[in-house]
C-alpha atoms as a PDB file:
ATOM      1  CA  MET A   1      81.896 109.634 253.166  1.00  0.00           C
ATOM      2  CA  LYS A   2      83.002 106.169 254.248  1.00  0.00           C
ATOM      3  CA  LEU A   3      86.740 106.322 254.829  1.00  0.00           C
ATOM      4  CA  VAL A   4      88.901 103.428 253.613  1.00  0.00           C
ATOM      5  CA  VAL A   5      91.941 102.452 255.682  1.00  0.00           C
ATOM      6  CA  GLU A   6      95.050 101.139 253.967  1.00  0.00           C
ATOM      7  CA  SER A   7      95.779  98.958 257.007  1.00  0.00           C
ATOM      8  CA  ASN A   8      93.522  97.482 259.669  1.00  0.00           C
ATOM      9  CA  ARG A   9      96.412  97.600 262.147  1.00  0.00           C
ATOM     10  CA  LEU A  10      96.302 100.847 264.109  1.00  0.00           C
ATOM     11  CA  ASN A  11      99.970 100.411 265.001  1.00  0.00           C
ATOM     12  CA  ASP A  12     100.835 101.027 261.341  1.00  0.00           C
ATOM     13  CA  TYR A  13      99.468 104.546 261.794  1.00  0.00           C
ATOM     14  CA  LEU A  14     101.835 105.144 264.711  1.00  0.00           C
ATOM     15  CA  LYS A  15     105.086 104.344 262.910  1.00  0.00           C
ATOM     16  CA  GLU A  16     107.880 106.739 262.093  1.00  0.00           C
ATOM     17  CA  ILE A  17     108.610 107.086 258.378  1.00  0.00           C
ATOM     18  CA  ALA A  18     112.124 108.460 258.152  1.00  0.00           C
ATOM     19  CA  PRO A  19     113.109 111.059 257.244  1.00  0.00           C
ATOM     20  CA  TYR A  20     109.706 112.762 256.929  1.00  0.00           C
ATOM     21  CA  ILE A  21     107.626 111.509 259.856  1.00  0.00           C
ATOM     22  CA  VAL A  22     110.068 111.295 262.766  1.00  0.00           C
ATOM     23  CA  TYR A  23     108.912 112.165 266.268  1.00  0.00           C
ATOM     24  CA  THR A  24     112.176 111.484 268.109  1.00  0.00           C
ATOM     25  CA  THR A  25     113.982 114.658 267.023  1.00  0.00           C
ATOM     26  CA  ARG A  26     114.756 117.265 269.656  1.00  0.00           C
ATOM     27  CA  LEU A  27     112.355 119.828 268.186  1.00  0.00           C
ATOM     28  CA  ILE A  28     109.426 117.433 267.770  1.00  0.00           C
ATOM     29  CA  LYS A  29     109.905 115.988 271.254  1.00  0.00           C
ATOM     30  CA  LYS A  30     109.937 119.515 272.692  1.00  0.00           C
ATOM     31  CA  GLN A  31     106.723 120.397 270.866  1.00  0.00           C
ATOM     32  CA  ILE A  32     105.025 117.208 272.044  1.00  0.00           C
ATOM     33  CA  LYS A  33     106.067 117.901 275.630  1.00  0.00           C
ATOM     34  CA  GLU A  34     104.488 121.356 275.410  1.00  0.00           C
ATOM     35  CA  ILE A  35     101.243 119.917 274.033  1.00  0.00           C
ATOM     36  CA  GLU A  36     101.064 117.257 276.734  1.00  0.00           C
ATOM     37  CA  SER A  37     101.607 119.888 279.431  1.00  0.00           C
ATOM     38  CA  LYS A  38      98.454 121.692 278.263  1.00  0.00           C
ATOM     39  CA  ALA A  39      96.095 118.762 277.707  1.00  0.00           C
ATOM     40  CA  ASN A  40      95.082 115.491 279.321  1.00  0.00           C
ATOM     41  CA  SER A  41      92.752 113.690 276.932  1.00  0.00           C
ATOM     42  CA  PRO A  42      93.747 112.400 273.474  1.00  0.00           C
ATOM     43  CA  PHE A  43      91.083 114.658 271.946  1.00  0.00           C
ATOM     44  CA  GLU A  44      92.569 117.778 273.576  1.00  0.00           C
ATOM     45  CA  LYS A  45      96.097 116.773 272.567  1.00  0.00           C
ATOM     46  CA  ALA A  46      95.035 116.139 268.975  1.00  0.00           C
ATOM     47  CA  LYS A  47      93.198 119.465 268.789  1.00  0.00           C
ATOM     48  CA  ILE A  48      96.226 121.417 270.003  1.00  0.00           C
ATOM     49  CA  ALA A  49      98.488 119.572 267.555  1.00  0.00           C
ATOM     50  CA  PHE A  50      96.038 120.379 264.746  1.00  0.00           C
ATOM     51  CA  GLU A  51      96.029 124.067 265.649  1.00  0.00           C
ATOM     52  CA  ILE A  52      99.838 124.134 265.678  1.00  0.00           C
ATOM     53  CA  ALA A  53     100.013 122.611 262.199  1.00  0.00           C
ATOM     54  CA  ARG A  54      97.204 124.841 260.922  1.00  0.00           C
ATOM     55  CA  ASP A  55      98.193 128.159 262.492  1.00  0.00           C
ATOM     56  CA  GLU A  56     101.904 128.111 263.349  1.00  0.00           C
ATOM     57  CA  ILE A  57     103.120 126.634 260.068  1.00  0.00           C
ATOM     58  CA  LYS A  58     102.444 129.266 257.418  1.00  0.00           C
ATOM     59  CA  HIS A  59     101.262 128.056 254.022  1.00  0.00           C
ATOM     60  CA  SER A  60     103.946 128.826 251.450  1.00  0.00           C
ATOM     61  CA  PHE A  61     101.429 129.492 248.677  1.00  0.00           C
ATOM     62  CA  ASP A  62      99.817 132.148 250.886  1.00  0.00           C
ATOM     63  CA  THR A  63     103.043 133.818 252.031  1.00  0.00           C
ATOM     64  CA  GLY A  64     105.015 133.433 248.801  1.00  0.00           C
ATOM     65  CA  ASP A  65     107.921 131.973 250.738  1.00  0.00           C
ATOM     66  CA  PRO A  66     110.119 129.976 248.326  1.00  0.00           C
ATOM     67  CA  ASN A  67     111.160 127.331 250.867  1.00  0.00           C
ATOM     68  CA  VAL A  68     110.051 123.758 250.202  1.00  0.00           C
ATOM     69  CA  THR A  69     109.877 121.919 253.508  1.00  0.00           C
ATOM     70  CA  ILE A  70     109.131 118.214 253.441  1.00  0.00           C
ATOM     71  CA  SER A  71     109.851 116.674 256.820  1.00  0.00           C
ATOM     72  CA  ALA A  72     107.832 117.561 259.884  1.00  0.00           C
ATOM     73  CA  ASP A  73     110.962 118.661 261.699  1.00  0.00           C
ATOM     74  CA  ASP A  74     112.018 121.046 258.908  1.00  0.00           C
ATOM     75  CA  ALA A  75     108.519 122.518 258.523  1.00  0.00           C
ATOM     76  CA  LEU A  76     108.232 123.039 262.279  1.00  0.00           C
ATOM     77  CA  GLN A  77     111.667 124.634 262.433  1.00  0.00           C
ATOM     78  CA  LYS A  78     111.060 127.012 259.511  1.00  0.00           C
ATOM     79  CA  LYS A  79     107.355 127.533 260.385  1.00  0.00           C
ATOM     80  CA  GLU A  80     106.653 127.170 256.682  1.00  0.00           C
ATOM     81  CA  GLY A  81     105.251 124.587 254.281  1.00  0.00           C
ATOM     82  CA  ILE A  82     102.453 123.726 251.866  1.00  0.00           C
ATOM     83  CA  CYS A  83      99.532 121.453 252.725  1.00  0.00           C
ATOM     84  CA  PHE A  84     101.604 118.274 252.409  1.00  0.00           C
ATOM     85  CA  ALA A  85     104.248 119.488 254.864  1.00  0.00           C
ATOM     86  CA  LYS A  86     101.578 120.680 257.300  1.00  0.00           C
ATOM     87  CA  ALA A  87      99.947 117.232 257.125  1.00  0.00           C
ATOM     88  CA  HIS A  88     103.370 115.715 257.856  1.00  0.00           C
ATOM     89  CA  VAL A  89     103.682 117.936 260.934  1.00  0.00           C
ATOM     90  CA  LEU A  90     100.271 116.972 262.274  1.00  0.00           C
ATOM     91  CA  ALA A  91     100.762 113.245 261.670  1.00  0.00           C
ATOM     92  CA  THR A  92     104.174 113.336 263.336  1.00  0.00           C
ATOM     93  CA  LEU A  93     102.942 115.143 266.438  1.00  0.00           C
ATOM     94  CA  LEU A  94      99.966 112.827 266.773  1.00  0.00           C
ATOM     95  CA  ARG A  95     101.930 109.634 266.252  1.00  0.00           C
ATOM     96  CA  GLY A  96     104.513 110.849 268.743  1.00  0.00           C
ATOM     97  CA  MET A  97     101.717 111.084 271.326  1.00  0.00           C
ATOM     98  CA  GLY A  98     100.397 107.615 270.535  1.00  0.00           C
ATOM     99  CA  ILE A  99      97.437 108.880 268.481  1.00  0.00           C
ATOM    100  CA  PRO A 100      97.029 107.062 265.137  1.00  0.00           C
ATOM    101  CA  ALA A 101      97.120 109.393 262.138  1.00  0.00           C
ATOM    102  CA  GLY A 102      97.091 108.871 258.391  1.00  0.00           C
ATOM    103  CA  PHE A 103      97.378 110.789 255.153  1.00  0.00           C
ATOM    104  CA  CYS A 104      94.457 111.727 252.905  1.00  0.00           C
ATOM    105  CA  TYR A 105      94.243 113.485 249.549  1.00  0.00           C
ATOM    106  CA  GLN A 106      91.843 115.369 247.342  1.00  0.00           C
ATOM    107  CA  ARG A 107      92.086 116.355 243.687  1.00  0.00           C
ATOM    108  CA  VAL A 108      91.280 120.050 243.368  1.00  0.00           C
ATOM    109  CA  LEU A 109      91.514 122.731 240.714  1.00  0.00           C
ATOM    110  CA  ARG A 110      94.793 124.623 241.008  1.00  0.00           C
ATOM    111  CA  LYS A 111      93.275 128.082 240.645  1.00  0.00           C
ATOM    112  CA  GLY A 112      89.568 127.350 240.735  1.00  0.00           C
ATOM    113  CA  THR A 113      89.133 126.991 236.983  1.00  0.00           C
ATOM    114  CA  MET A 114      89.368 123.934 234.737  1.00  0.00           C
ATOM    115  CA  GLU A 115      91.862 125.803 232.557  1.00  0.00           C
ATOM    116  CA  SER A 116      94.284 126.000 235.496  1.00  0.00           C
ATOM    117  CA  GLY A 117      94.495 122.221 235.793  1.00  0.00           C
ATOM    118  CA  TYR A 118      94.374 119.946 238.817  1.00  0.00           C
ATOM    119  CA  ALA A 119      96.615 119.148 241.770  1.00  0.00           C
ATOM    120  CA  LEU A 120      96.461 116.983 244.846  1.00  0.00           C
ATOM    121  CA  HIS A 121      95.710 118.581 248.200  1.00  0.00           C
ATOM    122  CA  GLY A 122      96.912 116.867 251.367  1.00  0.00           C
ATOM    123  CA  LEU A 123      95.143 116.513 254.710  1.00  0.00           C
ATOM    124  CA  ASN A 124      94.930 114.029 257.594  1.00  0.00           C
ATOM    125  CA  ALA A 125      92.776 111.398 259.206  1.00  0.00           C
ATOM    126  CA  VAL A 126      92.877 110.924 262.978  1.00  0.00           C
ATOM    127  CA  PHE A 127      91.777 107.934 265.049  1.00  0.00           C
ATOM    128  CA  LEU A 128      90.402 108.466 268.538  1.00  0.00           C
ATOM    129  CA  LYS A 129      89.067 105.468 270.439  1.00  0.00           C
ATOM    130  CA  GLU A 130      85.751 107.066 271.385  1.00  0.00           C
ATOM    131  CA  ILE A 131      85.155 108.443 267.867  1.00  0.00           C
ATOM    132  CA  GLY A 132      86.915 106.300 265.278  1.00  0.00           C
ATOM    133  CA  TRP A 133      88.516 107.729 262.141  1.00  0.00           C
ATOM    134  CA  PHE A 134      87.729 111.288 261.033  1.00  0.00           C
ATOM    135  CA  ARG A 135      89.414 113.776 258.734  1.00  0.00           C
ATOM    136  CA  VAL A 136      90.849 117.188 259.536  1.00  0.00           C
ATOM    137  CA  ASP A 137      92.589 119.701 257.299  1.00  0.00           C
ATOM    138  CA  PRO A 138      95.542 121.712 258.703  1.00  0.00           C
ATOM    139  CA  ARG A 139      95.941 123.694 255.455  1.00  0.00           C
ATOM    140  CA  GLY A 140      95.638 127.048 257.225  1.00  0.00           C
ATOM    141  CA  ASN A 141      92.769 129.507 257.232  1.00  0.00           C
ATOM    142  CA  LYS A 142      92.388 132.620 255.112  1.00  0.00           C
ATOM    143  CA  GLN A 143      89.488 134.452 253.505  1.00  0.00           C
ATOM    144  CA  GLY A 144      87.099 131.803 252.207  1.00  0.00           C
ATOM    145  CA  ILE A 145      88.751 128.926 254.094  1.00  0.00           C
ATOM    146  CA  ASN A 146      87.806 127.951 257.632  1.00  0.00           C
ATOM    147  CA  THR A 147      89.100 124.555 258.724  1.00  0.00           C
ATOM    148  CA  GLN A 148      88.398 123.322 262.251  1.00  0.00           C
ATOM    149  CA  PHE A 149      89.116 120.290 264.426  1.00  0.00           C
ATOM    150  CA  THR A 150      85.698 118.673 264.261  1.00  0.00           C
ATOM    151  CA  PHE A 151      84.573 115.061 264.004  1.00  0.00           C
ATOM    152  CA  ASP A 152      80.773 115.260 263.685  1.00  0.00           C
ATOM    153  CA  ILE A 153      80.949 117.379 260.532  1.00  0.00           C
ATOM    154  CA  GLU A 154      83.976 117.895 258.293  1.00  0.00           C
ATOM    155  CA  LEU A 155      85.216 121.473 258.058  1.00  0.00           C
ATOM    156  CA  LEU A 156      87.883 121.093 255.379  1.00  0.00           C
ATOM    157  CA  ALA A 157      89.597 123.671 253.207  1.00  0.00           C
ATOM    158  CA  TYR A 158      87.946 122.883 249.885  1.00  0.00           C
ATOM    159  CA  PRO A 159      84.399 121.818 249.000  1.00  0.00           C
ATOM    160  CA  ILE A 160      84.828 119.151 246.331  1.00  0.00           C
ATOM    161  CA  ARG A 161      82.995 119.906 243.088  1.00  0.00           C
ATOM    162  CA  THR A 162      82.702 116.600 241.270  1.00  0.00           C
ATOM    163  CA  GLU A 163      81.008 118.307 238.339  1.00  0.00           C
ATOM    164  CA  LEU A 164      84.320 120.114 237.709  1.00  0.00           C
ATOM    165  CA  GLY A 165      86.389 116.941 237.906  1.00  0.00           C
ATOM    166  CA  GLU A 166      87.489 117.332 241.519  1.00  0.00           C
ATOM    167  CA  VAL A 167      87.798 114.142 243.567  1.00  0.00           C
ATOM    168  CA  ASP A 168      87.512 113.436 247.285  1.00  0.00           C
ATOM    169  CA  TYR A 169      89.563 110.265 247.828  1.00  0.00           C
ATOM    170  CA  PRO A 170      88.360 108.182 250.814  1.00  0.00           C
ATOM    171  CA  ASN A 171      91.740 106.519 251.395  1.00  0.00           C
ATOM    172  CA  ILE A 172      93.650 106.798 254.659  1.00  0.00           C
ATOM    173  CA  PHE A 173      97.275 106.048 253.800  1.00  0.00           C
ATOM    174  CA  VAL A 174      99.889 104.880 256.284  1.00  0.00           C
ATOM    175  CA  ALA A 175     102.620 106.948 254.591  1.00  0.00           C
ATOM    176  CA  PRO A 176     102.739 110.060 252.412  1.00  0.00           C
ATOM    177  CA  LEU A 177     102.297 109.278 248.718  1.00  0.00           C
ATOM    178  CA  PRO A 178     105.660 108.652 246.997  1.00  0.00           C
ATOM    179  CA  SER A 179     104.555 110.872 244.095  1.00  0.00           C
ATOM    180  CA  VAL A 180     103.956 113.740 246.524  1.00  0.00           C
ATOM    181  CA  ILE A 181     107.372 113.336 248.143  1.00  0.00           C
ATOM    182  CA  LEU A 182     109.035 113.151 244.704  1.00  0.00           C
ATOM    183  CA  ALA A 183     107.323 116.352 243.550  1.00  0.00           C
ATOM    184  CA  MET A 184     108.498 118.145 246.675  1.00  0.00           C
ATOM    185  CA  GLN A 185     112.054 116.872 246.311  1.00  0.00           C
ATOM    186  CA  ASN A 186     112.241 117.836 242.637  1.00  0.00           C
ATOM    187  CA  SER A 187     110.928 121.396 243.061  1.00  0.00           C
ATOM    188  CA  LYS A 188     113.486 124.185 243.443  1.00  0.00           C
ATOM    189  CA  ASN A 189     111.008 126.419 245.253  1.00  0.00           C
ATOM    190  CA  SER A 190     107.372 126.543 246.330  1.00  0.00           C
ATOM    191  CA  GLN A 191     106.345 128.409 243.186  1.00  0.00           C
ATOM    192  CA  GLU A 192     107.665 125.519 241.087  1.00  0.00           C
ATOM    193  CA  LEU A 193     106.006 123.044 243.427  1.00  0.00           C
ATOM    194  CA  PHE A 194     102.648 124.719 242.814  1.00  0.00           C
ATOM    195  CA  TYR A 195     102.719 123.263 239.292  1.00  0.00           C
ATOM    196  CA  ASN A 196     104.725 120.112 240.062  1.00  0.00           C
ATOM    197  CA  ARG A 197     102.167 118.612 242.440  1.00  0.00           C
ATOM    198  CA  PRO A 198     100.721 115.319 241.177  1.00  0.00           C
ATOM    199  CA  GLU A 199      97.223 115.533 239.740  1.00  0.00           C
ATOM    200  CA  VAL A 200      95.875 112.147 240.836  1.00  0.00           C
ATOM    201  CA  LEU A 201      96.637 109.384 243.341  1.00  0.00           C
END
């Protein structure tokens, strides 16, 4: 797939977007310092950040935790969040290390059947100088899902089935979608958010 950037200025993909994508908080700065102590190259730093967002932040739909975390700082503190929050964590860590990162979305079936309806799924795009833009999915692995930090072939959470009305959007957004943020803000718990997620861009 040919990815489509919202902005041709890489600096736009390094900006803080308060209060959700802020890399100057004490917790985020501490996490970035730990990453940078373990890695030298941008690729290694980005891979570690991806694995933190994928593995250390538990997916609320998997755990049944009712918390709705939105900001990267809150998700990292509670170690909990759905795909959107995990994408916020990864983008924040990367931007805080000077690695451009954006927000991507897919339209997927909520429960695998057309009767269950559709919802957006959130993931990230990363820019590395020697590679260019590529997508990664920090959703979190479980049986049937195996996402990895790869650039030559995408290993994302969900194979998109266009014949069932699912959509793989090529856009790389500078900021999280306002409709996604609004759905998260207006949901009392993660169970409610499961059905409140927007269906399309």
